Amino acid sequence: MVMVRVSHYWPPLGGTNCYLFVNNTCMSNMASGEPWQPWVGSAAACPPDWPFWSRFMLAGGEWFTCLDRGGAIVDNWVDLLVETPPVPFGTEMEVMVVWPN
């Protein structure tokens, strides 16, 4: 179990939510190289010491896979790739983490 602080991002908003925004469309892949679109609701930006493909479960039972990074994602912040966040921004909670093999 790991204590995290939860935030969220939504690439279609552009700005800090998307590295490459062209004609009102987010063209960026996540830091892992995966496209963000198929991972809506199940991917997250995680701290750099968490390997890509680590998985964690929120207190409500939602699973997320670490496939992205972010400059502000440090000290056990996790940034969920969601249109509608399951918890308010900055919520602290204990999550179960499964590290990749």
N, C-alpha and C. Protein backbone atom coordinates (compact mmCIF):
# COMPACT_ATOMS: atom_id res chain seq x y z
N MET A 1 0.85 -1.19 0.00
CA MET A 1 0.00 0.00 0.00
C MET A 1 0.89 1.24 0.00
N VAL A 2 0.49 2.24 -0.76
CA VAL A 2 1.25 3.49 -0.88
C VAL A 2 0.28 4.66 -0.73
N MET A 3 0.68 5.67 0.01
CA MET A 3 -0.13 6.88 0.14
C MET A 3 0.16 7.78 -1.06
N VAL A 4 -0.90 8.22 -1.75
CA VAL A 4 -0.76 9.09 -2.92
C VAL A 4 -1.68 10.30 -2.79
N ARG A 5 -1.39 11.29 -3.60
CA ARG A 5 -2.28 12.43 -3.78
C ARG A 5 -2.73 12.35 -5.24
N VAL A 6 -4.03 12.48 -5.46
CA VAL A 6 -4.62 12.24 -6.78
C VAL A 6 -4.99 13.56 -7.47
N SER A 7 -4.57 13.66 -8.73
CA SER A 7 -5.01 14.74 -9.60
C SER A 7 -5.50 14.10 -10.90
N HIS A 8 -5.85 14.91 -11.86
CA HIS A 8 -6.35 14.37 -13.13
C HIS A 8 -6.01 15.34 -14.26
N TYR A 9 -5.99 14.78 -15.47
CA TYR A 9 -5.79 15.61 -16.66
C TYR A 9 -6.64 15.09 -17.80
N TRP A 10 -6.92 15.99 -18.76
CA TRP A 10 -7.79 15.65 -19.89
C TRP A 10 -7.19 16.28 -21.15
N PRO A 11 -6.49 15.47 -21.99
CA PRO A 11 -5.78 15.99 -23.16
C PRO A 11 -6.59 16.87 -24.10
N PRO A 12 -7.89 16.63 -24.33
CA PRO A 12 -8.61 17.50 -25.25
C PRO A 12 -8.69 18.97 -24.81
N LEU A 13 -8.34 19.25 -23.55
CA LEU A 13 -8.33 20.64 -23.10
C LEU A 13 -7.11 21.40 -23.58
N GLY A 14 -6.07 20.68 -24.04
CA GLY A 14 -4.85 21.35 -24.49
C GLY A 14 -4.07 21.89 -23.31
N GLY A 15 -3.22 22.88 -23.58
CA GLY A 15 -2.40 23.48 -22.52
C GLY A 15 -1.51 22.44 -21.86
N THR A 16 -1.44 22.46 -20.54
CA THR A 16 -0.58 21.51 -19.82
C THR A 16 -1.10 20.08 -19.90
N ASN A 17 -2.30 19.90 -20.43
CA ASN A 17 -2.89 18.57 -20.56
C ASN A 17 -2.41 17.80 -21.79
N CYS A 18 -1.72 18.50 -22.70
CA CYS A 18 -1.31 17.88 -23.96
C CYS A 18 -0.04 18.54 -24.49
N TYR A 19 0.97 17.74 -24.78
CA TYR A 19 2.25 18.25 -25.26
C TYR A 19 2.15 18.81 -26.68
N LEU A 20 1.42 18.11 -27.56
CA LEU A 20 1.30 18.52 -28.97
C LEU A 20 -0.18 18.68 -29.31
N PHE A 21 -0.63 19.92 -29.34
CA PHE A 21 -2.04 20.25 -29.57
C PHE A 21 -2.14 20.96 -30.92
N VAL A 22 -2.79 20.32 -31.90
CA VAL A 22 -2.87 20.85 -33.27
C VAL A 22 -4.33 20.91 -33.70
N ASN A 23 -4.77 22.08 -34.15
CA ASN A 23 -6.16 22.25 -34.63
C ASN A 23 -7.17 21.72 -33.62
N ASN A 24 -6.99 22.09 -32.36
CA ASN A 24 -7.89 21.69 -31.27
C ASN A 24 -7.94 20.19 -31.03
N THR A 25 -6.86 19.49 -31.39
CA THR A 25 -6.79 18.05 -31.17
C THR A 25 -5.46 17.70 -30.51
N CYS A 26 -5.51 16.88 -29.49
CA CYS A 26 -4.29 16.42 -28.83
C CYS A 26 -3.68 15.30 -29.66
N MET A 27 -2.48 15.56 -30.18
CA MET A 27 -1.79 14.61 -31.04
C MET A 27 -0.70 13.85 -30.30
N SER A 28 -0.49 14.16 -29.03
CA SER A 28 0.61 13.55 -28.26
C SER A 28 0.31 12.11 -27.88
N ASN A 29 1.38 11.33 -27.82
CA ASN A 29 1.31 10.04 -27.14
C ASN A 29 1.72 10.28 -25.69
N MET A 30 1.46 9.31 -24.84
CA MET A 30 1.92 9.40 -23.46
C MET A 30 3.43 9.14 -23.44
N ALA A 31 4.08 9.41 -22.33
CA ALA A 31 5.53 9.26 -22.21
C ALA A 31 5.99 7.84 -22.49
N SER A 32 5.13 6.86 -22.29
CA SER A 32 5.46 5.45 -22.56
C SER A 32 5.44 5.14 -24.06
N GLY A 33 4.92 6.07 -24.87
CA GLY A 33 4.77 5.85 -26.30
C GLY A 33 3.37 5.40 -26.68
N GLU A 34 2.57 5.03 -25.71
CA GLU A 34 1.19 4.60 -25.97
C GLU A 34 0.32 5.80 -26.32
N PRO A 35 -0.61 5.64 -27.28
CA PRO A 35 -1.56 6.72 -27.54
C PRO A 35 -2.50 6.86 -26.34
N TRP A 36 -2.90 8.08 -26.03
CA TRP A 36 -3.73 8.29 -24.84
C TRP A 36 -5.18 7.85 -25.02
N GLN A 37 -5.71 7.94 -26.25
CA GLN A 37 -7.15 7.74 -26.48
C GLN A 37 -7.68 6.38 -25.98
N PRO A 38 -7.00 5.25 -26.27
CA PRO A 38 -7.55 3.96 -25.80
C PRO A 38 -7.46 3.78 -24.28
N TRP A 39 -6.70 4.65 -23.61
CA TRP A 39 -6.43 4.48 -22.19
C TRP A 39 -7.23 5.43 -21.30
N VAL A 40 -8.18 6.16 -21.88
CA VAL A 40 -9.01 7.07 -21.07
C VAL A 40 -9.71 6.26 -19.98
N GLY A 41 -9.57 6.72 -18.75
CA GLY A 41 -10.21 6.05 -17.62
C GLY A 41 -9.40 4.92 -17.03
N SER A 42 -8.20 4.65 -17.61
CA SER A 42 -7.42 3.53 -17.07
C SER A 42 -5.91 3.78 -17.07
N ALA A 43 -5.45 4.95 -17.50
CA ALA A 43 -4.02 5.28 -17.47
C ALA A 43 -3.79 6.46 -16.53
N ALA A 44 -2.53 6.60 -16.11
CA ALA A 44 -2.17 7.70 -15.22
C ALA A 44 -0.73 8.11 -15.46
N ALA A 45 -0.45 9.37 -15.15
CA ALA A 45 0.92 9.84 -15.06
C ALA A 45 1.36 9.57 -13.62
N CYS A 46 2.51 8.92 -13.47
CA CYS A 46 3.00 8.51 -12.15
C CYS A 46 4.38 9.09 -11.91
N PRO A 47 4.82 9.08 -10.65
CA PRO A 47 6.16 9.58 -10.34
C PRO A 47 7.23 8.82 -11.13
N PRO A 48 8.36 9.48 -11.43
CA PRO A 48 9.40 8.85 -12.24
C PRO A 48 10.00 7.59 -11.63
N ASP A 49 9.90 7.40 -10.32
CA ASP A 49 10.45 6.18 -9.72
C ASP A 49 9.47 5.00 -9.79
N TRP A 50 8.27 5.23 -10.32
CA TRP A 50 7.32 4.14 -10.56
C TRP A 50 7.52 3.69 -12.01
N PRO A 51 7.89 2.45 -12.27
CA PRO A 51 8.09 2.01 -13.66
C PRO A 51 6.80 2.06 -14.48
N PHE A 52 6.96 2.32 -15.79
CA PHE A 52 5.81 2.17 -16.68
C PHE A 52 5.24 0.78 -16.49
N TRP A 53 3.94 0.66 -16.64
CA TRP A 53 3.16 -0.58 -16.51
C TRP A 53 2.91 -0.98 -15.06
N SER A 54 3.37 -0.16 -14.09
CA SER A 54 2.91 -0.37 -12.71
C SER A 54 1.41 -0.12 -12.72
N ARG A 55 0.69 -0.84 -11.86
CA ARG A 55 -0.76 -0.66 -11.77
C ARG A 55 -1.11 -0.32 -10.33
N PHE A 56 -2.15 0.49 -10.17
CA PHE A 56 -2.61 0.78 -8.82
C PHE A 56 -4.13 0.85 -8.80
N MET A 57 -4.68 0.54 -7.62
CA MET A 57 -6.13 0.55 -7.45
C MET A 57 -6.50 1.64 -6.45
N LEU A 58 -7.42 2.51 -6.85
CA LEU A 58 -7.93 3.54 -5.95
C LEU A 58 -8.83 2.90 -4.91
N ALA A 59 -9.14 3.66 -3.89
CA ALA A 59 -9.99 3.17 -2.80
C ALA A 59 -11.36 2.72 -3.29
N GLY A 60 -11.83 3.31 -4.40
CA GLY A 60 -13.14 2.94 -4.96
C GLY A 60 -13.10 1.72 -5.86
N GLY A 61 -11.92 1.10 -6.02
CA GLY A 61 -11.80 -0.10 -6.84
C GLY A 61 -11.37 0.15 -8.28
N GLU A 62 -11.15 1.40 -8.67
CA GLU A 62 -10.75 1.71 -10.04
C GLU A 62 -9.26 1.42 -10.21
N TRP A 63 -8.92 0.71 -11.30
CA TRP A 63 -7.52 0.37 -11.61
C TRP A 63 -6.97 1.34 -12.65
N PHE A 64 -5.71 1.74 -12.47
CA PHE A 64 -5.01 2.60 -13.42
C PHE A 64 -3.62 2.03 -13.67
N THR A 65 -3.11 2.23 -14.89
CA THR A 65 -1.79 1.77 -15.30
C THR A 65 -0.91 2.98 -15.54
N CYS A 66 0.30 2.96 -15.00
CA CYS A 66 1.24 4.08 -15.15
C CYS A 66 1.86 4.05 -16.54
N LEU A 67 1.40 4.96 -17.39
CA LEU A 67 1.88 5.03 -18.77
C LEU A 67 2.35 6.42 -19.16
N ASP A 68 2.29 7.36 -18.22
CA ASP A 68 2.65 8.74 -18.55
C ASP A 68 3.47 9.33 -17.41
N ARG A 69 4.08 10.45 -17.67
CA ARG A 69 4.84 11.22 -16.69
C ARG A 69 4.34 12.65 -16.76
N GLY A 70 4.80 13.47 -15.85
CA GLY A 70 4.45 14.89 -15.87
C GLY A 70 5.43 15.64 -15.00
N GLY A 71 5.77 16.84 -15.38
CA GLY A 71 6.75 17.61 -14.65
C GLY A 71 6.38 17.85 -13.20
N ALA A 72 5.08 17.94 -12.91
CA ALA A 72 4.63 18.20 -11.54
C ALA A 72 4.29 16.91 -10.79
N ILE A 73 4.48 15.77 -11.45
CA ILE A 73 4.11 14.50 -10.84
C ILE A 73 5.32 13.94 -10.10
N VAL A 74 5.42 14.31 -8.84
CA VAL A 74 6.51 13.88 -7.97
C VAL A 74 5.93 13.55 -6.60
N ASP A 75 6.74 12.98 -5.74
CA ASP A 75 6.34 12.73 -4.36
C ASP A 75 5.00 12.00 -4.23
N ASN A 76 4.84 10.95 -5.01
CA ASN A 76 3.66 10.09 -4.96
C ASN A 76 2.36 10.77 -5.37
N TRP A 77 2.45 11.78 -6.25
CA TRP A 77 1.26 12.26 -6.95
C TRP A 77 0.97 11.28 -8.06
N VAL A 78 -0.29 11.01 -8.33
CA VAL A 78 -0.71 10.28 -9.51
C VAL A 78 -1.73 11.15 -10.22
N ASP A 79 -1.61 11.25 -11.54
CA ASP A 79 -2.43 12.13 -12.36
C ASP A 79 -3.25 11.25 -13.29
N LEU A 80 -4.53 11.10 -13.02
CA LEU A 80 -5.40 10.19 -13.75
C LEU A 80 -5.80 10.77 -15.10
N LEU A 81 -5.76 9.94 -16.13
CA LEU A 81 -6.22 10.31 -17.47
C LEU A 81 -7.72 10.03 -17.53
N VAL A 82 -8.50 11.04 -17.17
CA VAL A 82 -9.95 10.88 -17.10
C VAL A 82 -10.64 12.17 -17.54
N GLU A 83 -11.83 12.00 -18.11
CA GLU A 83 -12.64 13.18 -18.42
C GLU A 83 -13.36 13.66 -17.16
N THR A 84 -13.85 12.71 -16.38
CA THR A 84 -14.53 13.03 -15.13
C THR A 84 -13.80 12.33 -14.00
N PRO A 85 -13.17 13.07 -13.10
CA PRO A 85 -12.38 12.44 -12.04
C PRO A 85 -13.25 11.70 -11.03
N PRO A 86 -12.75 10.55 -10.55
CA PRO A 86 -13.51 9.79 -9.55
C PRO A 86 -13.41 10.36 -8.14
N VAL A 87 -12.42 11.24 -7.91
CA VAL A 87 -12.24 11.89 -6.61
C VAL A 87 -11.83 13.33 -6.85
N PRO A 88 -12.06 14.22 -5.88
CA PRO A 88 -11.66 15.61 -6.05
C PRO A 88 -10.13 15.77 -6.18
N PHE A 89 -9.71 16.80 -6.90
CA PHE A 89 -8.31 17.12 -7.10
C PHE A 89 -7.60 17.26 -5.75
N GLY A 90 -6.47 16.58 -5.60
CA GLY A 90 -5.69 16.68 -4.38
C GLY A 90 -6.07 15.71 -3.28
N THR A 91 -7.03 14.82 -3.55
CA THR A 91 -7.44 13.83 -2.56
C THR A 91 -6.25 12.95 -2.19
N GLU A 92 -6.04 12.73 -0.91
CA GLU A 92 -5.00 11.81 -0.44
C GLU A 92 -5.66 10.49 -0.09
N MET A 93 -5.03 9.41 -0.51
CA MET A 93 -5.57 8.08 -0.20
C MET A 93 -4.48 7.04 -0.31
N GLU A 94 -4.72 5.91 0.32
CA GLU A 94 -3.83 4.78 0.19
C GLU A 94 -4.28 3.96 -1.00
N VAL A 95 -3.33 3.56 -1.84
CA VAL A 95 -3.64 2.74 -2.99
C VAL A 95 -2.81 1.45 -2.95
N MET A 96 -3.37 0.42 -3.53
CA MET A 96 -2.62 -0.82 -3.69
C MET A 96 -1.87 -0.73 -5.00
N VAL A 97 -0.55 -0.92 -4.95
CA VAL A 97 0.29 -0.84 -6.16
C VAL A 97 0.79 -2.24 -6.51
N VAL A 98 0.72 -2.56 -7.80
CA VAL A 98 1.27 -3.80 -8.33
C VAL A 98 2.39 -3.40 -9.28
N TRP A 99 3.62 -3.72 -8.90
CA TRP A 99 4.79 -3.36 -9.72
C TRP A 99 4.94 -4.37 -10.86
N PRO A 100 5.39 -3.92 -12.03
CA PRO A 100 5.56 -4.86 -13.15
C PRO A 100 6.71 -5.84 -12.87
N ASN A 101 6.65 -6.99 -13.51
CA ASN A 101 7.71 -8.01 -13.33
C ASN A 101 8.99 -7.57 -13.96
